[in-house]
C-alpha atoms as a PDB file:
ATOM      1  CA  MET A   1     -17.939  10.585  -1.892  1.00  0.00           C
ATOM      2  CA  SER A   2     -17.184  13.902  -3.068  1.00  0.00           C
ATOM      3  CA  SER A   3     -17.333  14.824  -6.682  1.00  0.00           C
ATOM      4  CA  LYS A   4     -13.345  16.101  -6.273  1.00  0.00           C
ATOM      5  CA  LEU A   5     -12.956  12.535  -5.488  1.00  0.00           C
ATOM      6  CA  THR A   6      -9.019  11.994  -5.189  1.00  0.00           C
ATOM      7  CA  THR A   7      -7.216   9.058  -5.769  1.00  0.00           C
ATOM      8  CA  ILE A   8      -3.798   8.848  -4.152  1.00  0.00           C
ATOM      9  CA  ILE A   9      -1.312   6.262  -5.736  1.00  0.00           C
ATOM     10  CA  ASP A  10       0.994   4.109  -3.881  1.00  0.00           C
ATOM     11  CA  ALA A  11       2.912   3.987  -7.086  1.00  0.00           C
ATOM     12  CA  ASP A  12       5.689   1.485  -5.564  1.00  0.00           C
ATOM     13  CA  TYR A  13       2.898  -1.204  -6.712  1.00  0.00           C
ATOM     14  CA  ILE A  14       3.003   0.080 -10.494  1.00  0.00           C
ATOM     15  CA  LYS A  15       7.150   0.391 -10.207  1.00  0.00           C
ATOM     16  CA  TYR A  16       7.719  -3.395  -9.087  1.00  0.00           C
ATOM     17  CA  SER A  17       4.282  -4.607 -11.075  1.00  0.00           C
ATOM     18  CA  VAL A  18       5.503  -3.060 -14.507  1.00  0.00           C
ATOM     19  CA  ALA A  19       9.377  -3.992 -13.968  1.00  0.00           C
ATOM     20  CA  TYR A  20       8.589  -7.420 -12.933  1.00  0.00           C
ATOM     21  CA  ALA A  21       5.805  -8.246 -16.009  1.00  0.00           C
ATOM     22  CA  CYS A  22       8.765  -6.845 -18.770  1.00  0.00           C
ATOM     23  CA  GLN A  23      11.284  -9.253 -17.904  1.00  0.00           C
ATOM     24  CA  LYS A  24      12.001 -13.367 -17.782  1.00  0.00           C
ATOM     25  CA  THR A  25      13.653 -14.708 -15.004  1.00  0.00           C
ATOM     26  CA  SER A  26      14.640 -17.906 -13.763  1.00  0.00           C
ATOM     27  CA  ILE A  27      17.379 -19.637 -11.486  1.00  0.00           C
ATOM     28  CA  VAL A  28      20.067 -22.100 -12.361  1.00  0.00           C
ATOM     29  CA  VAL A  29      20.623 -24.630  -9.013  1.00  0.00           C
ATOM     30  CA  THR A  30      23.558 -26.666  -9.294  1.00  0.00           C
ATOM     31  CA  HIS A  31      25.181 -28.959  -6.025  1.00  0.00           C
ATOM     32  CA  PRO A  32      28.503 -29.180  -6.049  1.00  0.00           C
ATOM     33  CA  THR A  33      28.112 -33.210  -5.774  1.00  0.00           C
ATOM     34  CA  LEU A  34      25.425 -34.402  -6.415  1.00  0.00           C
ATOM     35  CA  GLY A  35      25.329 -33.550 -10.521  1.00  0.00           C
ATOM     36  CA  VAL A  36      22.293 -31.610  -9.674  1.00  0.00           C
ATOM     37  CA  HIS A  37      21.626 -28.668 -12.682  1.00  0.00           C
ATOM     38  CA  ASP A  38      18.752 -27.762 -13.260  1.00  0.00           C
ATOM     39  CA  THR A  39      16.737 -24.009 -14.186  1.00  0.00           C
ATOM     40  CA  PHE A  40      13.903 -23.675 -11.969  1.00  0.00           C
ATOM     41  CA  LYS A  41      11.528 -20.479 -12.393  1.00  0.00           C
ATOM     42  CA  THR A  42      11.536 -19.501  -9.132  1.00  0.00           C
ATOM     43  CA  ARG A  43      13.094 -20.201  -6.196  1.00  0.00           C
ATOM     44  CA  THR A  44      10.088 -21.583  -4.210  1.00  0.00           C
ATOM     45  CA  ASP A  45       9.623 -23.842  -7.095  1.00  0.00           C
ATOM     46  CA  PHE A  46      12.795 -25.061  -6.010  1.00  0.00           C
ATOM     47  CA  TYR A  47      12.686 -25.293  -2.127  1.00  0.00           C
ATOM     48  CA  GLY A  48       9.360 -23.941  -0.749  1.00  0.00           C
ATOM     49  CA  HIS A  49       8.204 -21.536   1.076  1.00  0.00           C
ATOM     50  CA  HIS A  50      10.534 -18.491   1.031  1.00  0.00           C
ATOM     51  CA  ALA A  51      11.431 -18.107   5.039  1.00  0.00           C
ATOM     52  CA  LYS A  52      11.158 -22.029   5.693  1.00  0.00           C
ATOM     53  CA  LYS A  53      11.953 -22.824   2.432  1.00  0.00           C
ATOM     54  CA  ALA A  54      10.219 -25.969   2.970  1.00  0.00           C
ATOM     55  CA  GLY A  55       8.675 -27.876  -0.260  1.00  0.00           C
ATOM     56  CA  GLY A  56       9.466 -27.755  -3.812  1.00  0.00           C
ATOM     57  CA  TRP A  57      11.343 -29.629  -5.794  1.00  0.00           C
ATOM     58  CA  LEU A  58      14.122 -30.147  -2.960  1.00  0.00           C
ATOM     59  CA  ALA A  59      10.979 -32.055  -0.479  1.00  0.00           C
ATOM     60  CA  GLU A  60      10.551 -34.104  -3.611  1.00  0.00           C
ATOM     61  CA  TYR A  61      14.192 -34.951  -3.800  1.00  0.00           C
ATOM     62  CA  ASN A  62      14.381 -35.303   0.139  1.00  0.00           C
ATOM     63  CA  THR A  63      11.691 -37.571   0.428  1.00  0.00           C
ATOM     64  CA  GLY A  64      12.714 -41.329   1.491  1.00  0.00           C
ATOM     65  CA  ARG A  65      16.602 -39.955   2.151  1.00  0.00           C
ATOM     66  CA  ASP A  66      18.400 -40.524   5.565  1.00  0.00           C
ATOM     67  CA  SER A  67      19.738 -37.016   5.805  1.00  0.00           C
ATOM     68  CA  PRO A  68      18.119 -34.265   3.678  1.00  0.00           C
ATOM     69  CA  ILE A  69      20.105 -32.477   1.892  1.00  0.00           C
ATOM     70  CA  LEU A  70      20.282 -28.417   2.732  1.00  0.00           C
ATOM     71  CA  PRO A  71      19.029 -25.444   0.292  1.00  0.00           C
ATOM     72  CA  SER A  72      22.311 -23.769   1.680  1.00  0.00           C
ATOM     73  CA  GLU A  73      24.393 -26.917  -0.369  1.00  0.00           C
ATOM     74  CA  PHE A  74      22.942 -25.324  -3.954  1.00  0.00           C
ATOM     75  CA  THR A  75      24.591 -22.585  -5.875  1.00  0.00           C
ATOM     76  CA  ILE A  76      21.810 -20.903  -7.342  1.00  0.00           C
ATOM     77  CA  GLU A  77      22.362 -18.522 -10.576  1.00  0.00           C
ATOM     78  CA  ASP A  78      19.785 -15.651 -10.792  1.00  0.00           C
ATOM     79  CA  VAL A  79      18.853 -15.375 -15.202  1.00  0.00           C
ATOM     80  CA  VAL A  80      17.090 -11.843 -15.923  1.00  0.00           C
ATOM     81  CA  VAL A  81      16.274 -11.552 -20.027  1.00  0.00           C
ATOM     82  CA  PRO A  82      14.736  -7.708 -19.556  1.00  0.00           C
ATOM     83  CA  GLU A  83      12.205  -6.264 -22.051  1.00  0.00           C
ATOM     84  CA  ARG A  84      13.224  -2.960 -23.889  1.00  0.00           C
ATOM     85  CA  ILE A  85      13.510  -0.454 -21.702  1.00  0.00           C
ATOM     86  CA  ASP A  86      11.369   1.869 -24.353  1.00  0.00           C
ATOM     87  CA  PHE A  87       8.427  -1.144 -24.155  1.00  0.00           C
ATOM     88  CA  THR A  88       8.871  -0.836 -19.652  1.00  0.00           C
ATOM     89  CA  LEU A  89       8.886   2.403 -19.468  1.00  0.00           C
ATOM     90  CA  SER A  90       5.637   2.708 -22.272  1.00  0.00           C
ATOM     91  CA  SER A  91       3.881   0.606 -19.732  1.00  0.00           C
ATOM     92  CA  ALA A  92       4.895   2.536 -16.758  1.00  0.00           C
ATOM     93  CA  ARG A  93       3.121   5.277 -18.162  1.00  0.00           C
ATOM     94  CA  SER A  94      -0.247   3.909 -19.599  1.00  0.00           C
ATOM     95  CA  MET A  95      -0.709   1.917 -16.287  1.00  0.00           C
ATOM     96  CA  PHE A  96      -0.020   5.081 -13.651  1.00  0.00           C
ATOM     97  CA  ASN A  97      -2.522   6.818 -16.394  1.00  0.00           C
ATOM     98  CA  ASP A  98      -5.177   3.982 -15.729  1.00  0.00           C
ATOM     99  CA  ALA A  99      -4.461   3.925 -11.993  1.00  0.00           C
ATOM    100  CA  ALA A 100      -5.364   7.814 -11.888  1.00  0.00           C
ATOM    101  CA  LYS A 101      -8.359   7.928 -13.939  1.00  0.00           C
ATOM    102  CA  LYS A 102      -9.700   4.511 -11.017  1.00  0.00           C
ATOM    103  CA  GLN A 103     -13.352   5.174  -9.987  1.00  0.00           C
ATOM    104  CA  GLY A 104     -13.730   8.175 -11.411  1.00  0.00           C
ATOM    105  CA  ALA A 105     -11.632  10.276  -9.725  1.00  0.00           C
ATOM    106  CA  LYS A 106     -10.922  13.867 -10.504  1.00  0.00           C
ATOM    107  CA  LEU A 107      -7.392  15.036  -8.856  1.00  0.00           C
ATOM    108  CA  PHE A 108      -4.745  12.147  -7.989  1.00  0.00           C
ATOM    109  CA  LYS A 109      -1.235  12.180  -6.339  1.00  0.00           C
ATOM    110  CA  GLY A 110       1.537   9.652  -6.566  1.00  0.00           C
ATOM    111  CA  PHE A 111       4.243   8.658  -4.123  1.00  0.00           C
ATOM    112  CA  LEU A 112       7.607   6.303  -4.394  1.00  0.00           C
ATOM    113  CA  GLY A 113       9.626   4.940  -1.823  1.00  0.00           C
ATOM    114  CA  LYS A 114      12.977   5.241  -1.844  1.00  0.00           C
ATOM    115  CA  GLY A 115      15.851   3.862   0.215  1.00  0.00           C
ATOM    116  CA  ASP A 116      14.981   1.482   3.700  1.00  0.00           C
ATOM    117  CA  SER A 117      12.138   2.958   5.783  1.00  0.00           C
ATOM    118  CA  PHE A 118      12.912   3.514   9.496  1.00  0.00           C
ATOM    119  CA  ARG A 119      11.068   0.120  10.604  1.00  0.00           C
ATOM    120  CA  VAL A 120      14.523  -1.619   8.843  1.00  0.00           C
ATOM    121  CA  ALA A 121      16.897  -0.024  11.777  1.00  0.00           C
ATOM    122  CA  ARG A 122      13.782  -0.082  14.480  1.00  0.00           C
ATOM    123  CA  SER A 123      13.599  -3.899  13.619  1.00  0.00           C
ATOM    124  CA  THR A 124      15.708  -6.403  15.871  1.00  0.00           C
ATOM    125  CA  LEU A 125      13.417  -9.595  15.685  1.00  0.00           C
ATOM    126  CA  THR A 126      14.393 -10.277  11.962  1.00  0.00           C
ATOM    127  CA  LYS A 127      15.649  -7.821   9.787  1.00  0.00           C
ATOM    128  CA  TYR A 128      11.899  -6.098   8.464  1.00  0.00           C
ATOM    129  CA  LYS A 129      11.794  -6.552   4.676  1.00  0.00           C
ATOM    130  CA  ASN A 130      14.333  -9.011   4.321  1.00  0.00           C
ATOM    131  CA  ARG A 131      13.995  -9.562   0.891  1.00  0.00           C
ATOM    132  CA  THR A 132      16.431 -12.312  -0.905  1.00  0.00           C
ATOM    133  CA  SER A 133      15.399 -12.595  -4.464  1.00  0.00           C
ATOM    134  CA  PRO A 134      16.766  -9.746  -7.112  1.00  0.00           C
ATOM    135  CA  LYS A 135      15.477  -6.479  -7.637  1.00  0.00           C
ATOM    136  CA  PRO A 136      14.249  -6.290 -11.170  1.00  0.00           C
ATOM    137  CA  PHE A 137      16.728  -5.397 -14.036  1.00  0.00           C
ATOM    138  CA  HIS A 138      14.551  -2.166 -15.323  1.00  0.00           C
ATOM    139  CA  LEU A 139      13.197  -1.152 -10.946  1.00  0.00           C
ATOM    140  CA  GLU A 140      15.420   2.575 -11.113  1.00  0.00           C
ATOM    141  CA  ALA A 141      14.725   3.639 -14.580  1.00  0.00           C
ATOM    142  CA  VAL A 142      11.053   2.630 -14.541  1.00  0.00           C
ATOM    143  CA  GLY A 143      10.812   4.695 -10.686  1.00  0.00           C
ATOM    144  CA  ASP A 144      13.127   7.817 -12.032  1.00  0.00           C
ATOM    145  CA  TYR A 145      10.253   7.657 -14.840  1.00  0.00           C
ATOM    146  CA  LEU A 146       7.026   7.798 -12.817  1.00  0.00           C
ATOM    147  CA  GLU A 147       8.861  10.728 -10.787  1.00  0.00           C
ATOM    148  CA  ARG A 148      10.197  12.819 -13.849  1.00  0.00           C
ATOM    149  CA  LYS A 149       7.238  12.118 -16.304  1.00  0.00           C
ATOM    150  CA  MET A 150       4.305  11.070 -14.135  1.00  0.00           C
ATOM    151  CA  GLY A 151       5.086  14.052 -11.467  1.00  0.00           C
ATOM    152  CA  CYS A 152       5.127  11.028  -8.397  1.00  0.00           C
ATOM    153  CA  GLU A 153       6.841  12.056  -5.446  1.00  0.00           C
ATOM    154  CA  ILE A 154       9.731  10.727  -3.854  1.00  0.00           C
ATOM    155  CA  VAL A 155       9.516   9.564   0.005  1.00  0.00           C
ATOM    156  CA  THR A 156      12.465   8.545   2.311  1.00  0.00           C
ATOM    157  CA  GLY A 157      12.815   7.442   5.852  1.00  0.00           C
ATOM    158  CA  ILE A 158       9.085   5.418   5.574  1.00  0.00           C
ATOM    159  CA  GLU A 159       7.520   3.912   3.662  1.00  0.00           C
ATOM    160  CA  ALA A 160       5.282   5.063  -0.020  1.00  0.00           C
ATOM    161  CA  ASP A 161       2.171   3.396   2.051  1.00  0.00           C
ATOM    162  CA  ASP A 162       2.983   4.918   4.829  1.00  0.00           C
ATOM    163  CA  ARG A 163       2.803   8.609   3.190  1.00  0.00           C
ATOM    164  CA  CYS A 164      -0.213   7.537   1.282  1.00  0.00           C
ATOM    165  CA  VAL A 165      -1.751   7.098   5.068  1.00  0.00           C
ATOM    166  CA  ILE A 166      -0.813  10.065   5.806  1.00  0.00           C
ATOM    167  CA  GLU A 167      -2.259  11.940   2.544  1.00  0.00           C
ATOM    168  CA  ALA A 168      -5.588   9.858   2.312  1.00  0.00           C
ATOM    169  CA  PHE A 169      -6.208   9.463   6.599  1.00  0.00           C
ATOM    170  CA  GLY A 170      -9.971  10.240   7.576  1.00  0.00           C
ATOM    171  CA  LYS A 171     -10.841  12.068   4.478  1.00  0.00           C
ATOM    172  CA  LYS A 172     -13.984  10.514   2.758  1.00  0.00           C
ATOM    173  CA  ASP A 173     -13.410  12.247  -0.443  1.00  0.00           C
ATOM    174  CA  HIS A 174      -9.495  10.586  -0.779  1.00  0.00           C
ATOM    175  CA  PHE A 175      -8.507   7.104  -1.416  1.00  0.00           C
ATOM    176  CA  ILE A 176      -6.096   5.365  -1.770  1.00  0.00           C
ATOM    177  CA  GLN A 177      -5.278   2.977  -4.873  1.00  0.00           C
ATOM    178  CA  GLY A 178      -2.649   0.075  -4.447  1.00  0.00           C
ATOM    179  CA  GLU A 179      -2.034  -3.932  -3.388  1.00  0.00           C
ATOM    180  CA  ASP A 180      -0.676  -4.026  -0.084  1.00  0.00           C
ATOM    181  CA  LYS A 181      -2.893  -5.597   2.133  1.00  0.00           C
ATOM    182  CA  ASP A 182      -1.338  -3.313   5.559  1.00  0.00           C
ATOM    183  CA  TYR A 183      -4.196  -0.378   4.100  1.00  0.00           C
ATOM    184  CA  TYR A 184      -7.121  -3.032   5.236  1.00  0.00           C
ATOM    185  CA  GLY A 185      -6.595  -1.653   8.705  1.00  0.00           C
ATOM    186  CA  CYS A 186      -6.126   2.039   8.719  1.00  0.00           C
ATOM    187  CA  ASN A 187      -8.555   4.438   8.627  1.00  0.00           C
ATOM    188  CA  ILE A 188      -9.029   5.148   5.080  1.00  0.00           C
ATOM    189  CA  ASN A 189     -10.788   4.346   1.676  1.00  0.00           C
ATOM    190  CA  PHE A 190      -9.009   1.726   0.080  1.00  0.00           C
ATOM    191  CA  PHE A 191      -9.110  -0.112  -3.906  1.00  0.00           C
ATOM    192  CA  ASN A 192      -7.230  -2.857  -4.128  1.00  0.00           C
ATOM    193  CA  VAL A 193      -5.884  -3.470  -7.961  1.00  0.00           C
ATOM    194  CA  ASN A 194      -5.560  -7.409  -7.423  1.00  0.00           C
ATOM    195  CA  LYS A 195      -9.669  -6.988  -6.336  1.00  0.00           C
ATOM    196  CA  PRO A 196     -11.183  -4.304  -8.357  1.00  0.00           C
ATOM    197  CA  GLU A 197     -14.628  -6.583  -7.778  1.00  0.00           C
ATOM    198  CA  ASP A 198     -14.894  -4.869  -4.435  1.00  0.00           C
ATOM    199  CA  GLY A 199     -14.743  -1.479  -5.388  1.00  0.00           C
ATOM    200  CA  ILE A 200     -13.450   1.734  -2.576  1.00  0.00           C
ATOM    201  CA  VAL A 201     -13.528  -0.132   0.757  1.00  0.00           C
ATOM    202  CA  ASP A 202     -14.153   1.536   3.774  1.00  0.00           C
ATOM    203  CA  CYS A 203     -11.696   0.772   6.368  1.00  0.00           C
ATOM    204  CA  SER A 204     -12.515   2.856   9.081  1.00  0.00           C
ATOM    205  CA  GLY A 205     -13.332   2.152  12.653  1.00  0.00           C
ATOM    206  CA  LEU A 206     -13.023  -1.370  14.745  1.00  0.00           C
ATOM    207  CA  GLY A 207     -13.993  -3.611  11.993  1.00  0.00           C
ATOM    208  CA  SER A 208     -13.943  -7.610  11.758  1.00  0.00           C
ATOM    209  CA  LEU A 209     -11.756 -10.713  10.745  1.00  0.00           C
ATOM    210  CA  TRP A 210     -13.562 -13.302   9.356  1.00  0.00           C
ATOM    211  CA  LEU A 211     -12.456 -16.274   7.103  1.00  0.00           C
ATOM    212  CA  GLN A 212     -12.574 -17.022   3.772  1.00  0.00           C
ATOM    213  CA  GLU A 213     -12.329 -19.975   1.320  1.00  0.00           C
ATOM    214  CA  LYS A 214     -10.082 -20.161  -1.484  1.00  0.00           C
ATOM    215  CA  VAL A 215      -8.224 -22.586  -3.980  1.00  0.00           C
ATOM    216  CA  ASP A 216      -4.689 -21.975  -4.719  1.00  0.00           C
ATOM    217  CA  SER A 217      -2.837 -22.602  -8.141  1.00  0.00           C
ATOM    218  CA  LYS A 218      -2.392 -26.384  -8.280  1.00  0.00           C
ATOM    219  CA  GLY A 219      -6.525 -26.850  -6.788  1.00  0.00           C
ATOM    220  CA  LYS A 220      -6.197 -27.362  -3.430  1.00  0.00           C
ATOM    221  CA  PRO A 221      -8.360 -25.682  -1.137  1.00  0.00           C
ATOM    222  CA  PHE A 222      -7.496 -23.369   1.671  1.00  0.00           C
ATOM    223  CA  THR A 223      -8.664 -20.731   4.547  1.00  0.00           C
ATOM    224  CA  GLU A 224      -7.018 -17.607   4.709  1.00  0.00           C
ATOM    225  CA  VAL A 225      -8.073 -14.390   7.309  1.00  0.00           C
ATOM    226  CA  LYS A 226      -8.837 -11.692   6.131  1.00  0.00           C
ATOM    227  CA  GLY A 227     -10.740  -8.666   7.857  1.00  0.00           C
ATOM    228  CA  LYS A 228     -10.614  -4.891   7.694  1.00  0.00           C
ATOM    229  CA  GLY A 229     -10.340  -1.666  10.033  1.00  0.00           C
ATOM    230  CA  ARG A 230      -8.214  -1.555  13.081  1.00  0.00           C
ATOM    231  CA  MET A 231      -9.730  -5.715  13.864  1.00  0.00           C
ATOM    232  CA  TRP A 232      -6.820  -6.434  11.199  1.00  0.00           C
ATOM    233  CA  LEU A 233      -3.902  -4.096  12.017  1.00  0.00           C
ATOM    234  CA  TYR A 234      -4.206  -6.187  15.750  1.00  0.00           C
ATOM    235  CA  GLN A 235      -4.442  -9.247  13.289  1.00  0.00           C
ATOM    236  CA  GLN A 236      -1.457  -8.687  11.589  1.00  0.00           C
ATOM    237  CA  VAL A 237       0.369  -7.549  15.184  1.00  0.00           C
ATOM    238  CA  ALA A 238      -0.201 -11.385  16.254  1.00  0.00           C
ATOM    239  CA  SER A 239       0.308 -13.214  13.716  1.00  0.00           C
ATOM    240  CA  GLY A 240       3.204 -11.236  11.102  1.00  0.00           C
ATOM    241  CA  ASP A 241       3.513 -10.566   7.341  1.00  0.00           C
ATOM    242  CA  ASP A 242       5.654 -13.044   5.439  1.00  0.00           C
ATOM    243  CA  VAL A 243       5.991 -10.385   2.375  1.00  0.00           C
ATOM    244  CA  ASP A 244       7.383  -7.597   4.836  1.00  0.00           C
ATOM    245  CA  THR A 245       9.004 -10.453   7.330  1.00  0.00           C
ATOM    246  CA  TYR A 246       8.216 -10.125  10.788  1.00  0.00           C
ATOM    247  CA  TRP A 247       6.115 -12.671  12.559  1.00  0.00           C
ATOM    248  CA  ALA A 248       4.465 -12.411  16.036  1.00  0.00           C
ATOM    249  CA  ASN A 249       6.822 -15.982  17.289  1.00  0.00           C
ATOM    250  CA  SER A 250      10.116 -15.280  15.276  1.00  0.00           C
ATOM    251  CA  ALA A 251      11.659 -15.335  18.447  1.00  0.00           C
ATOM    252  CA  SER A 252       9.447 -17.829  20.152  1.00  0.00           C
ATOM    253  CA  ASN A 253       9.641 -22.401  20.425  1.00  0.00           C
ATOM    254  CA  VAL A 254       6.156 -21.913  20.191  1.00  0.00           C
ATOM    255  CA  LYS A 255       3.976 -22.947  16.604  1.00  0.00           C
ATOM    256  CA  TRP A 256       2.112 -20.069  15.648  1.00  0.00           C
ATOM    257  CA  GLY A 257       0.471 -18.579  12.030  1.00  0.00           C
ATOM    258  CA  GLU A 258      -2.698 -16.234  11.677  1.00  0.00           C
ATOM    259  CA  LYS A 259      -5.424 -18.990  12.408  1.00  0.00           C
ATOM    260  CA  SER A 260      -3.819 -18.623  15.971  1.00  0.00           C
ATOM    261  CA  ALA A 261      -3.968 -15.318  16.136  1.00  0.00           C
ATOM    262  CA  TYR A 262      -7.191 -15.262  14.597  1.00  0.00           C
ATOM    263  CA  SER A 263      -8.210 -17.517  17.137  1.00  0.00           C
ATOM    264  CA  VAL A 264      -7.824 -15.727  20.185  1.00  0.00           C
ATOM    265  CA  LEU A 265      -8.487 -12.341  18.435  1.00  0.00           C
ATOM    266  CA  LYS A 266     -12.131 -13.227  16.478  1.00  0.00           C
ATOM    267  CA  ASP A 267     -14.614 -12.631  19.011  1.00  0.00           C
ATOM    268  CA  CYS A 268     -13.237  -9.355  20.300  1.00  0.00           C
ATOM    269  CA  LYS A 269     -15.991  -6.687  20.397  1.00  0.00           C
ATOM    270  CA  SER A 270     -13.978  -3.636  21.068  1.00  0.00           C
ATOM    271  CA  ASP A 271     -10.245  -1.953  21.343  1.00  0.00           C
ATOM    272  CA  LYS A 272     -10.061  -3.109  24.858  1.00  0.00           C
ATOM    273  CA  GLU A 273     -10.972  -6.876  24.293  1.00  0.00           C
ATOM    274  CA  ALA A 274      -8.378  -7.022  21.287  1.00  0.00           C
ATOM    275  CA  PHE A 275      -5.446  -5.422  23.109  1.00  0.00           C
ATOM    276  CA  GLU A 276      -6.403  -7.814  25.999  1.00  0.00           C
ATOM    277  CA  ALA A 277      -6.130 -10.764  23.700  1.00  0.00           C
ATOM    278  CA  LEU A 278      -2.731  -9.562  22.261  1.00  0.00           C
ATOM    279  CA  VAL A 279      -1.144  -9.337  25.831  1.00  0.00           C
ATOM    280  CA  ARG A 280      -2.980 -13.269  26.281  1.00  0.00           C
ATOM    281  CA  ILE A 281      -1.504 -13.947  22.600  1.00  0.00           C
ATOM    282  CA  PHE A 282       2.636 -12.170  23.322  1.00  0.00           C
ATOM    283  CA  LYS A 283       2.654 -13.969  27.050  1.00  0.00           C
ATOM    284  CA  ILE A 284       1.561 -17.145  25.248  1.00  0.00           C
ATOM    285  CA  LEU A 285       4.575 -16.966  22.726  1.00  0.00           C
ATOM    286  CA  TYR A 286       7.117 -15.377  25.290  1.00  0.00           C
ATOM    287  CA  PRO A 287       6.054 -16.371  29.022  1.00  0.00           C
ATOM    288  CA  GLU A 288      10.098 -15.432  30.460  1.00  0.00           C
ATOM    289  CA  PRO A 289      12.287 -13.123  29.429  1.00  0.00           C
ATOM    290  CA  LYS A 290      14.868 -14.291  27.139  1.00  0.00           C
ATOM    291  CA  SER A 291      18.705 -13.734  25.433  1.00  0.00           C
ATOM    292  CA  HIS A 292      18.340 -13.153  21.792  1.00  0.00           C
ATOM    293  CA  THR A 293      20.431 -12.343  18.894  1.00  0.00           C
ATOM    294  CA  THR A 294      19.255  -9.283  16.505  1.00  0.00           C
ATOM    295  CA  TRP A 295      19.882  -9.413  12.967  1.00  0.00           C
ATOM    296  CA  GLN A 296      22.410  -6.380  13.436  1.00  0.00           C
ATOM    297  CA  GLY A 297      24.670  -9.130  15.955  1.00  0.00           C
ATOM    298  CA  ALA A 298      23.756  -7.573  18.971  1.00  0.00           C
ATOM    299  CA  THR A 299      22.379 -10.137  22.262  1.00  0.00           C
ATOM    300  CA  ILE A 300      19.536  -8.380  23.656  1.00  0.00           C
ATOM    301  CA  THR A 301      17.297  -9.336  26.524  1.00  0.00           C
ATOM    302  CA  ILE A 302      13.396  -9.636  25.112  1.00  0.00           C
ATOM    303  CA  ASP A 303      10.057 -10.535  26.915  1.00  0.00           C
ATOM    304  CA  TRP A 304       6.624 -10.360  25.499  1.00  0.00           C
ATOM    305  CA  LEU A 305       6.487  -6.639  25.597  1.00  0.00           C
ATOM    306  CA  TYR A 306       9.507  -5.892  23.855  1.00  0.00           C
ATOM    307  CA  CYS A 307       8.167  -8.106  20.766  1.00  0.00           C
ATOM    308  CA  LEU A 308       4.717  -6.985  21.467  1.00  0.00           C
ATOM    309  CA  GLN A 309       6.069  -3.060  20.574  1.00  0.00           C
ATOM    310  CA  GLU A 310       8.168  -4.426  18.022  1.00  0.00           C
ATOM    311  CA  CYS A 311       5.243  -6.025  15.948  1.00  0.00           C
ATOM    312  CA  PHE A 312       3.155  -3.277  16.227  1.00  0.00           C
ATOM    313  CA  THR A 313       5.416  -1.142  14.876  1.00  0.00           C
ATOM    314  CA  MET A 314       6.615  -2.857  12.421  1.00  0.00           C
ATOM    315  CA  ALA A 315       2.532  -3.492  11.553  1.00  0.00           C
ATOM    316  CA  ARG A 316       1.195  -0.006  11.744  1.00  0.00           C
ATOM    317  CA  MET A 317       1.387   2.546   9.255  1.00  0.00           C
ATOM    318  CA  LEU A 318       1.925   5.879  10.131  1.00  0.00           C
ATOM    319  CA  ARG A 319      -1.256   8.775  10.313  1.00  0.00           C
ATOM    320  CA  THR A 320       1.065  11.971  10.790  1.00  0.00           C
ATOM    321  CA  GLU A 321       4.151  13.340   9.056  1.00  0.00           C
ATOM    322  CA  ASP A 322       5.772  14.157  12.477  1.00  0.00           C
ATOM    323  CA  GLU A 323       4.517  11.113  14.230  1.00  0.00           C
ATOM    324  CA  LYS A 324       6.517   9.414  16.546  1.00  0.00           C
ATOM    325  CA  GLU A 325       6.399   5.834  17.595  1.00  0.00           C
ATOM    326  CA  ILE A 326       3.320   4.819  19.350  1.00  0.00           C
ATOM    327  CA  GLN A 327       4.046   2.617  22.754  1.00  0.00           C
ATOM    328  CA  VAL A 328       2.080  -0.347  23.359  1.00  0.00           C
ATOM    329  CA  VAL A 329       1.969   0.401  26.964  1.00  0.00           C
ATOM    330  CA  ASP A 330       0.657   3.706  26.988  1.00  0.00           C
ATOM    331  CA  ILE A 331      -2.135   2.163  25.097  1.00  0.00           C
ATOM    332  CA  LEU A 332      -2.756  -0.117  27.484  1.00  0.00           C
ATOM    333  CA  ASN A 333      -2.694   1.905  30.468  1.00  0.00           C
ATOM    334  CA  LYS A 334      -4.663   4.331  28.472  1.00  0.00           C
ATOM    335  CA  ILE A 335      -7.781   1.922  27.606  1.00  0.00           C
ATOM    336  CA  GLY A 336      -7.062  -0.131  31.303  1.00  0.00           C
ATOM    337  CA  VAL A 337      -5.757  -3.369  30.021  1.00  0.00           C
ATOM    338  CA  ASN A 338      -4.138  -5.317  32.966  1.00  0.00           C
ATOM    339  CA  TYR A 339      -1.295  -6.784  32.371  1.00  0.00           C
END
């Protein structure tokens, strides 16, 4: 890499990391008739997986019951105790200055997202980034500080990670610093702040997928799908993203997940093979056109190509500032995929 190595900082991770770290949170859960009034650290501790609402304390409570108690029957009150604002802003300054010096970079640029990206309005199957947890107490103050004092550029209409990719795309002397796994699917160099031992990862090219054995917080082993390059983008399209709240099977009756997508994609050796796999996957999930009610309340007709297009748009980061939505059908025709 060049001696003028430039780090492109996705400052959203700093904003959220600092704001969340500088507060103590809990929830108070109450049921109107069961006599339940208890405190939990998180919603996940209470009702498990944030989208499926399965697991956690509630699953144990429902064990052996003929009719389970639903999460919607409970009232949930958020309790937030923030740190002092001066301490919080000092933490933001330290974290940003540390980020600017990572990997010996001589130059740096920081970007912050503000407002909804175009993907929210574009999403129909599920609402893009439909977050239910309250935002951190000092989030806005930290964002303002990073803009005014640390010189971060505000991004609107698109996401900060889009802007970071636009800035670093195809540049060997630039790398993006952040924690969003979407970066692994772009033609950029990426430093994952949560995996510093990996150093700067070259995410260009077709790439590959693999399985990695891990252990959860309770010591239970599990297998996770990993990847980089365009194959990682295809994996995200074919499975989904719990954080960004889109899923390949969100409007399908077929049980499907990241391992299902991996099993179809793992042996692909070219973009054509990968898109042929994507077509097979979405035809499995949506064998016939069907009616669907969007999160905005409209009734539409969807099919496999419609759903593939939407997931592709949700997963793929922009490459240029004036880029329009890439049409999957154009790619299929261009590379000769029979669909």
